[in-house]
Protein backbone atom coordinates (compact mmCIF):
# COMPACT_ATOMS: atom_id res chain seq x y z
CA MET A 1 0.08 0.01 -0.01
CA THR A 2 1.26 3.45 -0.85
CA PRO A 3 2.45 5.26 2.33
CA HIS A 4 0.27 8.05 3.62
CA PRO A 5 2.04 11.30 2.41
CA ILE A 6 1.62 13.16 5.70
CA ARG A 7 2.35 10.13 8.04
CA GLY A 8 5.32 9.10 5.93
CA LEU A 9 6.58 12.59 6.21
CA ARG A 10 6.10 12.85 9.90
CA ALA A 11 7.28 9.42 10.98
CA ALA A 12 10.85 10.60 10.63
CA CYS A 13 10.16 13.35 13.20
CA VAL A 14 10.47 10.85 16.01
CA ALA A 15 14.15 10.91 15.47
CA VAL A 16 14.43 14.59 16.31
CA ALA A 17 15.72 13.70 19.76
CA THR A 18 18.91 12.16 18.29
CA LEU A 19 19.32 14.70 15.58
CA ALA A 20 18.67 18.00 17.24
CA SER A 21 21.68 19.56 18.89
CA VAL A 22 21.91 21.03 22.38
CA ALA A 23 21.75 24.48 20.81
CA ALA A 24 18.44 23.51 19.17
CA CYS A 25 16.87 22.92 22.63
CA GLY A 26 18.12 26.35 23.87
CA GLY A 27 16.70 28.67 21.28
CA GLY A 28 16.47 32.42 21.71
CA GLY A 29 19.51 34.55 20.89
CA ALA A 30 23.06 33.63 20.66
CA ASP A 31 23.32 33.17 24.37
CA GLY A 32 20.21 30.88 24.50
CA THR A 33 18.27 33.44 26.58
CA GLY A 34 14.79 34.90 25.87
CA ALA A 35 14.21 38.52 24.92
CA GLN A 36 11.39 40.99 24.42
CA SER A 37 10.08 41.05 20.87
CA SER A 38 10.75 44.36 19.19
CA THR A 39 7.28 44.29 17.77
CA GLY A 40 5.22 43.74 20.83
CA GLY A 41 5.17 40.09 21.65
CA ILE A 42 6.81 39.08 24.97
CA VAL A 43 9.21 36.23 24.89
CA SER A 44 10.44 34.79 28.18
CA ALA A 45 13.31 32.44 28.90
CA PRO A 46 12.81 29.11 27.14
CA THR A 47 11.18 26.42 29.28
CA ALA A 48 11.07 23.46 26.90
CA THR A 49 13.20 20.59 27.87
CA GLY A 50 12.50 18.12 25.01
CA PRO A 51 13.85 18.20 21.44
CA GLN A 52 12.88 21.14 19.48
CA ALA A 53 11.27 21.48 16.06
CA TYR A 54 11.27 24.54 13.85
CA SER A 55 8.73 25.19 11.13
CA ALA A 56 7.80 27.99 8.79
CA GLY A 57 4.99 28.33 6.32
CA VAL A 58 1.24 28.91 5.91
CA MET A 59 -0.82 27.76 8.89
CA THR A 60 -4.29 26.21 9.32
CA LYS A 61 -6.12 26.81 12.63
CA GLY A 62 -6.73 23.87 14.66
CA SER A 63 -4.88 24.79 17.00
CA VAL A 64 -1.91 25.53 14.59
CA ILE A 65 -1.52 23.05 11.86
CA LEU A 66 1.73 23.79 10.05
CA ASN A 67 3.51 21.51 7.51
CA GLY A 68 1.33 18.65 8.56
CA VAL A 69 1.74 18.83 12.32
CA ARG A 70 -1.10 19.85 14.74
CA TYR A 71 0.60 21.96 17.39
CA ASP A 72 -1.21 22.83 20.64
CA ASP A 73 -0.86 26.52 20.92
CA SER A 74 -2.69 26.98 24.33
CA ALA A 75 0.54 27.99 26.14
CA ALA A 76 2.49 29.45 23.05
CA GLN A 77 4.04 32.85 23.21
CA ILE A 78 3.02 35.04 20.28
CA ALA A 79 5.27 37.61 18.69
CA ASP A 80 3.10 40.08 16.65
CA ASP A 81 3.03 43.85 16.34
CA ARG A 82 -0.80 43.85 16.46
CA ASN A 83 -0.61 42.16 19.81
CA ARG A 84 -2.74 39.23 18.75
CA SER A 85 -3.12 36.28 21.06
CA ALA A 86 -3.05 32.51 20.24
CA ALA A 87 -6.80 32.48 19.97
CA GLN A 88 -6.47 35.06 17.03
CA LEU A 89 -4.16 32.84 15.02
CA ALA A 90 -6.05 32.10 11.78
CA ASN A 91 -6.19 30.24 8.54
CA GLY A 92 -3.72 31.43 5.90
CA MET A 93 -1.42 33.18 8.24
CA ARG A 94 2.28 32.92 7.48
CA VAL A 95 4.07 32.02 10.66
CA LYS A 96 7.36 30.73 12.03
CA LEU A 97 7.12 28.28 14.96
CA ARG A 98 9.26 26.69 17.54
CA GLY A 99 7.87 23.69 19.41
CA ARG A 100 8.11 19.99 20.15
CA ILE A 101 6.73 17.18 18.04
CA SER A 102 5.16 14.10 19.69
CA ASP A 103 6.26 10.49 19.13
CA ASP A 104 3.24 10.07 16.69
CA GLY A 105 4.85 12.60 14.27
CA VAL A 106 1.65 14.42 13.65
CA SER A 107 0.99 16.35 16.87
CA GLY A 108 3.09 18.51 19.05
CA THR A 109 3.21 21.62 21.30
CA ALA A 110 4.07 25.10 20.13
CA ASP A 111 6.33 27.08 22.48
CA ARG A 112 6.60 30.20 20.28
CA VAL A 113 4.85 31.53 17.23
CA SER A 114 5.79 34.56 15.18
CA ILE A 115 3.17 36.02 13.01
CA GLU A 116 4.70 37.33 9.78
CA PRO A 117 2.62 39.15 7.20
CA GLU A 118 4.27 40.08 3.95
CA LEU A 119 2.53 43.38 3.25
CA ARG A 120 0.36 46.05 4.65
CA GLY A 121 -1.10 48.96 2.80
CA THR A 122 -3.98 50.36 0.88
CA VAL A 123 -5.39 48.45 -2.09
CA GLY A 124 -5.23 50.28 -5.38
CA THR A 125 -6.33 48.38 -8.51
CA VAL A 126 -8.25 45.11 -8.40
CA GLU A 127 -8.21 42.62 -11.26
CA PRO A 128 -10.84 40.03 -10.69
CA ALA A 129 -10.77 38.89 -14.44
CA ALA A 130 -7.04 38.21 -14.56
CA LEU A 131 -5.64 34.68 -14.64
CA PRO A 132 -4.84 34.43 -11.79
CA PRO A 133 -6.88 37.29 -10.25
CA ALA A 134 -4.88 39.98 -8.61
CA PHE A 135 -4.73 43.37 -6.77
CA THR A 136 -2.08 45.93 -6.05
CA VAL A 137 -0.86 47.66 -2.98
CA GLY A 138 1.44 50.62 -3.48
CA GLY A 139 2.15 49.23 -7.01
CA VAL A 140 3.08 45.85 -5.58
CA ARG A 141 0.97 43.14 -7.42
CA VAL A 142 -0.47 40.40 -5.34
CA LEU A 143 -1.96 37.21 -6.84
CA VAL A 144 -4.82 35.29 -5.27
CA ASP A 145 -6.34 31.82 -6.04
CA ASP A 146 -9.15 29.63 -4.75
CA THR A 147 -7.19 28.80 -1.60
CA THR A 148 -6.67 32.44 -0.60
CA VAL A 149 -8.54 33.15 2.67
CA PHE A 150 -10.48 36.47 2.56
CA ALA A 151 -11.07 37.13 6.25
CA ASP A 152 -14.37 38.36 7.92
CA GLY A 153 -16.38 38.10 4.73
CA ALA A 154 -14.07 40.31 2.58
CA THR A 155 -14.05 39.77 -1.17
CA LEU A 156 -11.51 40.58 -3.94
CA ALA A 157 -14.05 43.01 -5.49
CA GLY A 158 -14.69 44.71 -2.20
CA ILE A 159 -11.16 45.47 -1.06
CA ALA A 160 -10.38 48.32 -3.47
CA GLY A 161 -9.42 51.36 -1.42
CA ARG A 162 -9.28 49.38 1.84
CA ARG A 163 -6.29 48.96 4.10
CA VAL A 164 -5.22 45.27 4.25
CA GLU A 165 -2.79 42.87 5.74
CA VAL A 166 -1.55 40.25 3.31
CA HIS A 167 0.08 36.91 4.22
CA GLY A 168 1.58 34.52 1.68
CA LEU A 169 4.67 33.18 0.06
CA ARG A 170 6.97 34.51 -2.71
CA ASP A 171 7.26 32.47 -5.93
CA ALA A 172 10.38 32.14 -8.09
CA ALA A 173 9.88 35.61 -9.57
CA GLY A 174 9.38 37.13 -6.17
CA THR A 175 5.63 37.60 -6.69
CA LEU A 176 3.56 37.53 -3.64
CA ARG A 177 0.99 34.66 -3.69
CA ALA A 178 -1.57 35.55 -1.09
CA SER A 179 -2.63 32.94 1.43
CA ARG A 180 -4.64 35.39 3.58
CA VAL A 181 -6.10 38.79 2.97
CA GLU A 182 -7.48 40.79 5.99
CA VAL A 183 -9.12 44.16 6.06
CA PHE A 184 -8.24 46.07 9.23
CA THR A 185 -8.18 49.44 10.97
CA GLY A 186 -6.13 50.81 13.86
CA ALA A 187 -2.50 50.16 14.86
CA PRO A 188 -0.08 49.81 13.35
CA SER A 189 -1.14 52.70 11.04
CA THR A 190 2.01 52.53 8.99
CA ASP A 191 2.45 50.47 5.84
CA SER A 192 5.00 47.62 5.82
CA LEU A 193 6.77 45.33 3.33
CA ARG A 194 8.82 42.21 3.94
CA GLY A 195 11.30 40.90 1.42
CA ARG A 196 14.93 40.47 0.40
CA ILE A 197 17.24 43.31 -0.68
CA LEU A 198 17.91 43.20 -4.42
CA SER A 199 20.43 46.12 -4.69
CA VAL A 200 21.97 48.77 -2.58
CA ALA A 201 22.59 52.36 -3.86
CA SER A 202 23.65 53.85 -0.50
CA THR A 203 23.03 53.64 3.25
CA SER A 204 19.64 55.21 2.79
CA ALA A 205 18.50 53.79 -0.53
CA PHE A 206 17.92 50.19 -1.76
CA THR A 207 15.53 48.06 -3.62
CA MET A 208 13.46 45.13 -2.42
CA THR A 209 11.62 42.18 -3.80
CA GLY A 210 8.51 43.39 -5.73
CA GLY A 211 7.85 40.43 -7.96
CA ALA A 212 6.18 40.71 -11.42
CA SER A 213 5.36 44.40 -10.77
CA GLY A 214 9.17 45.26 -10.44
CA ALA A 215 11.50 46.01 -7.55
CA VAL A 216 10.31 48.45 -4.79
CA ALA A 217 12.69 51.38 -4.29
CA VAL A 218 13.07 52.05 -0.64
CA THR A 219 14.41 55.34 0.87
CA LEU A 220 15.30 55.45 4.56
CA SER A 221 14.39 58.61 6.53
CA ALA A 222 17.22 60.66 8.16
CA THR A 223 16.60 59.02 11.53
CA PRO A 224 15.11 55.55 10.84
CA VAL A 225 14.11 53.30 13.80
CA PHE A 226 16.15 49.93 13.60
CA THR A 227 14.90 46.84 15.41
CA PRO A 228 15.75 44.75 17.20
CA THR A 229 19.01 45.57 19.09
CA GLY A 230 21.98 45.16 16.86
CA CYS A 231 20.17 46.04 13.62
CA SER A 232 21.70 48.86 11.63
CA VAL A 233 22.50 50.17 8.14
CA SER A 234 25.25 47.46 8.11
CA VAL A 235 22.58 44.85 7.29
CA LEU A 236 21.92 46.59 3.88
CA ALA A 237 23.37 43.85 1.68
CA VAL A 238 22.01 42.05 -1.36
CA GLY A 239 20.09 38.97 -0.15
CA ALA A 240 19.37 40.20 3.32
CA GLU A 241 15.68 39.79 4.40
CA VAL A 242 14.29 42.97 6.02
CA GLU A 243 10.93 44.37 6.87
CA VAL A 244 10.50 48.19 6.30
CA HIS A 245 7.76 50.34 7.97
CA GLY A 246 6.57 53.67 6.71
CA SER A 247 4.43 54.44 3.60
CA PHE A 248 4.18 53.32 0.12
CA GLY A 249 4.31 55.94 -2.74
CA THR A 250 1.11 56.96 -4.43
CA GLY A 251 0.06 55.32 -7.72
CA ALA A 252 2.02 52.53 -9.26
CA ALA A 253 5.49 53.98 -8.55
CA ASN A 254 6.75 51.08 -6.49
CA THR A 255 8.31 53.28 -3.90
CA PHE A 256 8.42 53.15 -0.14
CA ALA A 257 9.49 55.83 2.35
CA ALA A 258 10.80 53.97 5.34
CA THR A 259 10.81 55.32 8.90
CA GLY A 260 11.74 52.02 10.43
CA LEU A 261 13.62 48.77 9.37
CA GLU A 262 13.63 45.41 11.04
CA CYS A 263 16.46 42.82 10.50
CA GLU A 264 14.58 39.55 10.07
CA ASP A 265 17.39 37.22 11.20
CA LEU A 266 17.93 39.21 14.44
CA PHE A 267 14.20 39.43 15.02
CA ASP A 268 13.94 35.64 14.70
CA ASP A 269 16.74 35.21 17.17
CA SER A 270 14.94 37.58 19.56
CA THR A 271 11.72 35.71 19.38
CA GLY A 272 13.37 32.19 19.49
CA VAL A 273 12.12 30.94 16.21
CA ARG A 274 15.42 31.03 14.25
CA ALA A 275 16.67 27.43 13.81
CA PRO A 276 20.35 26.94 14.77
CA SER A 277 22.64 24.71 12.56
CA GLY A 278 22.17 21.02 13.24
CA SER A 279 18.40 21.39 14.06
CA ARG A 280 15.46 19.66 12.41
CA ILE A 281 13.39 22.24 10.38
CA GLU A 282 10.38 22.09 8.05
CA TYR A 283 10.16 24.81 5.44
CA GLU A 284 7.32 25.70 2.93
CA GLY A 285 7.67 27.88 -0.13
CA TYR A 286 8.16 28.02 -3.88
CA VAL A 287 11.18 26.54 -5.67
CA ALA A 288 13.53 29.09 -7.15
CA GLY A 289 17.09 28.91 -8.53
CA LEU A 290 16.73 25.24 -9.44
CA ASN A 291 20.14 23.68 -10.19
CA THR A 292 19.58 19.96 -11.11
CA ALA A 293 23.26 19.42 -11.85
CA GLY A 294 24.10 20.56 -8.29
CA SER A 295 20.98 19.07 -6.69
CA THR A 296 20.07 22.37 -5.07
CA PHE A 297 17.34 25.01 -5.15
CA THR A 298 16.25 27.84 -2.86
CA VAL A 299 13.02 28.38 -0.86
CA ASN A 300 12.42 32.01 0.38
CA GLY A 301 16.16 32.62 -0.09
CA ARG A 302 17.17 29.43 1.95
CA THR A 303 19.34 26.93 -0.03
CA VAL A 304 18.04 23.37 -0.12
CA SER A 305 20.11 20.34 -1.21
CA TRP A 306 18.87 16.90 -2.00
CA SER A 307 20.41 13.48 -2.71
CA THR A 308 19.43 10.00 -3.83
CA ALA A 309 18.38 9.31 -0.24
CA THR A 310 15.84 12.11 -0.25
CA GLN A 311 12.30 10.90 -0.33
CA ILE A 312 9.84 12.62 -2.73
CA ARG A 313 6.20 12.85 -1.82
CA ASN A 314 3.18 13.63 -4.17
CA GLY A 315 5.38 13.63 -7.26
CA THR A 316 8.88 12.86 -8.58
CA LEU A 317 12.15 14.64 -8.84
CA ALA A 318 11.27 15.36 -12.50
CA ASP A 319 8.41 17.51 -11.25
CA LEU A 320 10.79 19.92 -9.48
CA ALA A 321 10.66 23.26 -11.32
CA ASN A 322 11.02 26.91 -10.52
CA GLY A 323 7.68 28.19 -9.25
CA VAL A 324 6.47 24.85 -7.81
CA ARG A 325 5.26 24.94 -4.14
CA VAL A 326 6.93 22.46 -1.83
CA GLU A 327 7.46 21.54 1.79
CA VAL A 328 11.00 20.51 2.73
CA ASP A 329 11.81 18.46 5.86
CA GLY A 330 15.48 18.17 6.79
CA THR A 331 18.45 19.13 8.87
CA LEU A 332 20.09 22.55 8.90
CA SER A 333 23.75 22.29 8.02
CA GLY A 334 25.17 25.81 8.31
CA THR A 335 22.77 27.82 6.19
CA THR A 336 21.78 24.89 3.87
CA LEU A 337 18.66 22.74 4.55
CA VAL A 338 19.69 19.18 3.74
CA ALA A 339 16.38 17.60 2.68
CA ARG A 340 15.23 14.33 4.08
CA GLU A 341 11.96 14.61 2.28
CA ILE A 342 10.52 16.97 -0.30
CA SER A 343 6.69 16.98 -0.44
CA PHE A 344 4.82 18.80 -3.23
CA LYS A 345 2.09 20.86 -1.62
CA GLN A 346 -0.14 20.31 -4.59
CA GLU A 347 -0.59 17.11 -6.41
CA ARG A 348 1.81 16.97 -9.37
CA ILE A 349 -0.26 16.09 -12.51
CA LEU A 350 1.39 15.17 -15.76
CA VAL A 351 -0.45 14.84 -19.13
CA GLN A 352 0.97 14.20 -22.61
CA GLY A 353 -1.25 14.06 -25.68
CA THR A 354 -2.57 16.06 -28.61
CA ILE A 355 -4.43 19.29 -28.21
CA GLN A 356 -8.09 18.61 -29.13
CA SER A 357 -9.32 22.10 -28.79
CA LEU A 358 -8.33 25.63 -27.68
CA GLY A 359 -10.31 28.07 -25.67
CA ALA A 360 -10.75 31.80 -26.57
CA GLY A 361 -7.48 33.70 -26.31
CA GLY A 362 -5.57 30.52 -25.56
CA THR A 363 -6.71 30.56 -21.84
CA SER A 364 -7.45 26.86 -21.98
CA LEU A 365 -6.96 23.71 -23.96
CA VAL A 366 -8.24 20.13 -23.96
CA VAL A 367 -5.82 17.24 -23.86
CA LEU A 368 -7.00 13.60 -23.44
CA GLY A 369 -10.46 14.99 -22.90
CA ARG A 370 -9.32 17.03 -19.90
CA THR A 371 -9.60 20.80 -19.93
CA VAL A 372 -6.34 22.58 -18.89
CA GLN A 373 -6.46 26.24 -17.70
CA VAL A 374 -3.56 28.48 -18.97
CA THR A 375 -2.73 31.41 -16.88
CA SER A 376 -0.15 34.33 -16.96
CA LEU A 377 2.11 32.07 -14.75
CA THR A 378 2.13 29.23 -17.16
CA SER A 379 5.52 28.64 -18.75
CA THR A 380 5.37 27.52 -22.45
CA ASP A 381 8.26 26.31 -24.55
CA VAL A 382 6.23 25.32 -27.64
CA ASP A 383 8.10 27.47 -30.16
CA SER A 384 5.55 27.25 -32.88
CA GLY A 385 2.68 28.03 -30.62
CA LEU A 386 -0.31 26.14 -29.27
CA ALA A 387 -2.56 24.75 -31.94
CA VAL A 388 -5.12 22.05 -32.37
CA GLY A 389 -3.51 18.75 -33.36
CA ARG A 390 -0.10 19.56 -31.80
CA ALA A 391 1.32 17.30 -29.22
CA VAL A 392 2.13 18.86 -25.87
CA GLN A 393 3.24 17.84 -22.35
CA VAL A 394 1.44 19.54 -19.49
CA ARG A 395 2.69 19.80 -15.89
CA GLY A 396 0.42 21.30 -13.45
CA ALA A 397 -1.78 20.90 -10.33
CA LEU A 398 -5.44 20.59 -9.42
CA SER A 399 -7.15 23.51 -7.96
CA THR A 400 -9.59 22.97 -5.10
CA ALA A 401 -12.46 23.00 -7.59
CA GLY A 402 -10.78 20.15 -9.58
CA THR A 403 -9.51 22.42 -12.43
CA LEU A 404 -6.16 21.32 -13.84
CA VAL A 405 -4.01 24.53 -13.90
CA ALA A 406 -0.97 24.33 -16.10
CA GLU A 407 2.31 25.49 -14.70
CA GLU A 408 4.36 24.37 -17.66
CA ILE A 409 3.61 23.30 -21.21
CA ARG A 410 6.39 21.61 -23.10
CA ASP A 411 6.98 20.46 -26.61
CA PRO A 412 7.52 16.56 -26.43
CA SER A 413 9.77 16.29 -29.39
CA GLY A 414 9.99 12.82 -30.67
CA SER A 415 6.91 11.54 -28.76
CA ASN A 416 5.72 9.63 -31.91
CA GLY A 417 2.12 9.59 -30.66
CA ARG A 418 2.94 8.39 -27.07
CA GLU A 419 0.41 9.53 -24.53
CA PHE A 420 0.68 9.41 -20.72
CA VAL A 421 -1.07 10.58 -17.49
CA GLN A 422 0.44 10.90 -14.04
CA ALA A 423 -2.25 11.30 -11.35
CA ARG A 424 -3.83 9.57 -8.37
CA VAL A 425 -6.05 6.51 -8.95
CA THR A 426 -9.65 7.29 -8.16
CA ALA A 427 -11.25 3.91 -9.18
CA LYS A 428 -10.08 0.36 -10.29
CA THR A 429 -11.56 -2.82 -11.53
CA ALA A 430 -9.98 -6.20 -12.44
CA THR A 431 -8.88 -4.72 -15.82
CA THR A 432 -9.06 -1.01 -15.59
CA ILE A 433 -7.90 1.98 -13.48
CA THR A 434 -9.24 5.54 -13.49
CA LEU A 435 -7.09 8.62 -13.01
CA LEU A 436 -7.75 12.17 -13.79
CA GLY A 437 -11.17 11.20 -14.94
CA LEU A 438 -9.68 8.90 -17.67
CA THR A 439 -10.35 5.11 -17.50
CA VAL A 440 -7.65 3.05 -19.14
CA THR A 441 -7.47 -0.66 -19.92
CA LEU A 442 -4.85 -2.92 -18.41
CA SER A 443 -3.74 -6.19 -19.98
CA PRO A 444 -1.34 -9.07 -19.17
CA GLY A 445 0.97 -7.59 -21.74
CA THR A 446 1.37 -4.34 -19.88
CA GLN A 447 4.68 -3.68 -18.14
CA TYR A 448 3.97 -3.03 -14.46
CA ARG A 449 6.75 -1.25 -12.29
CA ARG A 450 7.33 -0.02 -8.86
CA SER A 451 8.74 3.47 -8.03
CA ASP A 452 12.23 1.97 -7.84
CA ASP A 453 11.70 0.62 -11.42
CA SER A 454 11.60 -3.06 -10.36
CA ALA A 455 8.86 -5.03 -12.11
CA PHE A 456 5.74 -6.58 -10.62
CA ALA A 457 5.30 -10.21 -11.28
CA SER A 458 1.77 -9.87 -12.66
CA GLN A 459 -1.07 -7.55 -13.37
CA GLN A 460 -2.80 -8.71 -10.26
CA ALA A 461 0.24 -7.90 -8.10
CA PHE A 462 0.27 -4.43 -9.44
CA LEU A 463 -3.50 -3.97 -8.76
CA ASP A 464 -3.07 -5.30 -5.19
CA ALA A 465 -0.42 -2.60 -4.65
CA VAL A 466 -2.73 0.23 -5.91
CA THR A 467 -5.33 1.89 -3.67
CA ALA A 468 -8.26 3.67 -5.30
CA SER A 469 -10.15 6.44 -3.66
CA PRO A 470 -12.62 9.17 -4.96
CA THR A 471 -10.35 11.61 -3.21
CA GLY A 472 -7.21 10.17 -4.64
CA GLY A 473 -5.42 6.88 -4.07
CA THR A 474 -1.91 5.75 -5.29
CA LEU A 475 0.03 8.07 -7.61
CA VAL A 476 0.51 6.14 -10.87
CA LYS A 477 1.82 7.04 -14.36
CA VAL A 478 0.32 5.18 -17.35
CA ARG A 479 1.63 5.28 -20.91
CA GLY A 480 0.32 4.12 -24.34
CA THR A 481 0.50 4.84 -28.05
CA PRO A 482 -2.20 5.92 -27.78
CA LEU A 483 -3.78 5.32 -24.44
CA SER A 484 -7.11 4.59 -26.06
CA SER A 485 -5.51 1.48 -27.44
CA GLY A 486 -4.54 0.19 -24.06
CA VAL A 487 -1.80 0.73 -21.52
CA GLU A 488 1.71 -0.28 -22.47
CA GLU A 489 3.36 0.67 -19.13
CA ALA A 490 1.97 1.41 -15.69
CA GLU A 491 4.29 2.68 -12.88
CA ILE A 492 3.66 3.43 -9.28
CA GLU A 493 5.33 6.81 -8.67
CA GLN A 494 5.79 6.73 -4.87
């Protein structure tokens, strides 16, 4: 039976006690002591005596579900400049967490949680008809999708001119993909922007990540407030993560007048959520800077390395691409996260076949009877353009509504009519399996393989190893020339 993707990912967490260093159990600043958060949350001396876990990403409430682990937050210390409590932690918030994971690998206790919105400001333009939909704040373009949480009944159409707090993750281009949008009033009244420094012109002028809308030009006031203690203009270096406070320029100028600057690494030290080298961490974000030859990529600026020992969940190594959202579980070696497991946050779907029809403006296409949505984020390398009758290979993910959204459309040169689908099995019989809504016929002549490329002894042995569920069973790839004539190869992908 295919391992449960979450349980398989968490089972290794039991070994944290033997992997985490003594420093990992101390936390806090360099001396292992607690400190007062520069942004309002109070952090006392650490009290945890067990092995520590560090996690960063987008949370789900209940108490805090982060990267597949449900953390009890009833006694957690919260670092937040809006002075929110644990009870106010909410779906879609981007947080960093320090806690302890239980032996079951899927539950734990949160000691400290830092709430880390990416952006605050007044919404300018709103683009509900764009693919994907978007809005701008101070010229910074923010993308939303069907998983974005609009808090307290807010809607995309209704936020124009409103002041918002935006949580989310940056993709490979630095564009902010919103996980939560909340309209709010009151303190803090200043705008803010979190990101990495792209260039430095002087000790009072630099540019920050702005994504598809372009870099944001930041100008520091004559007497900026630096936080926490130790933060200064010396941090202004390319690649440094900072948060600036002040006000966006008007219109779409992509400018920011900063009266304050926060050094993120030092802030994480002061709140005890920065993982020391040797500790076990889980990190969520979008792949950038993929180097397949060197087996590395970056997530939110952190270098990730993998090896043949790294386990891949919900896809294969071939599915790694810039802009794909992943969760990485591993050990921090210096500043590099050595991956034990890489899990795709959205199911990796792979379809190869002939384009049967095209939607208006090329916003969709049909391959193997399945409609594929094409967005402004879809990468296409079909030089001669998309056209009915042309063979294509589509890599993408299913939206929560079941729509197949293309992340990449390739030209499968030399395919010679070969078709294939990689997806989870939703139904099976003695001679067929169904995946992505396509039912294909199996035969004794079909080659059946496991994920390690070893062969199954028979068709029945393959079927016995495959689970089928309406919500998605075993991840399988089937090939045929064409598939309508029968399956030539069927392979379990994990």
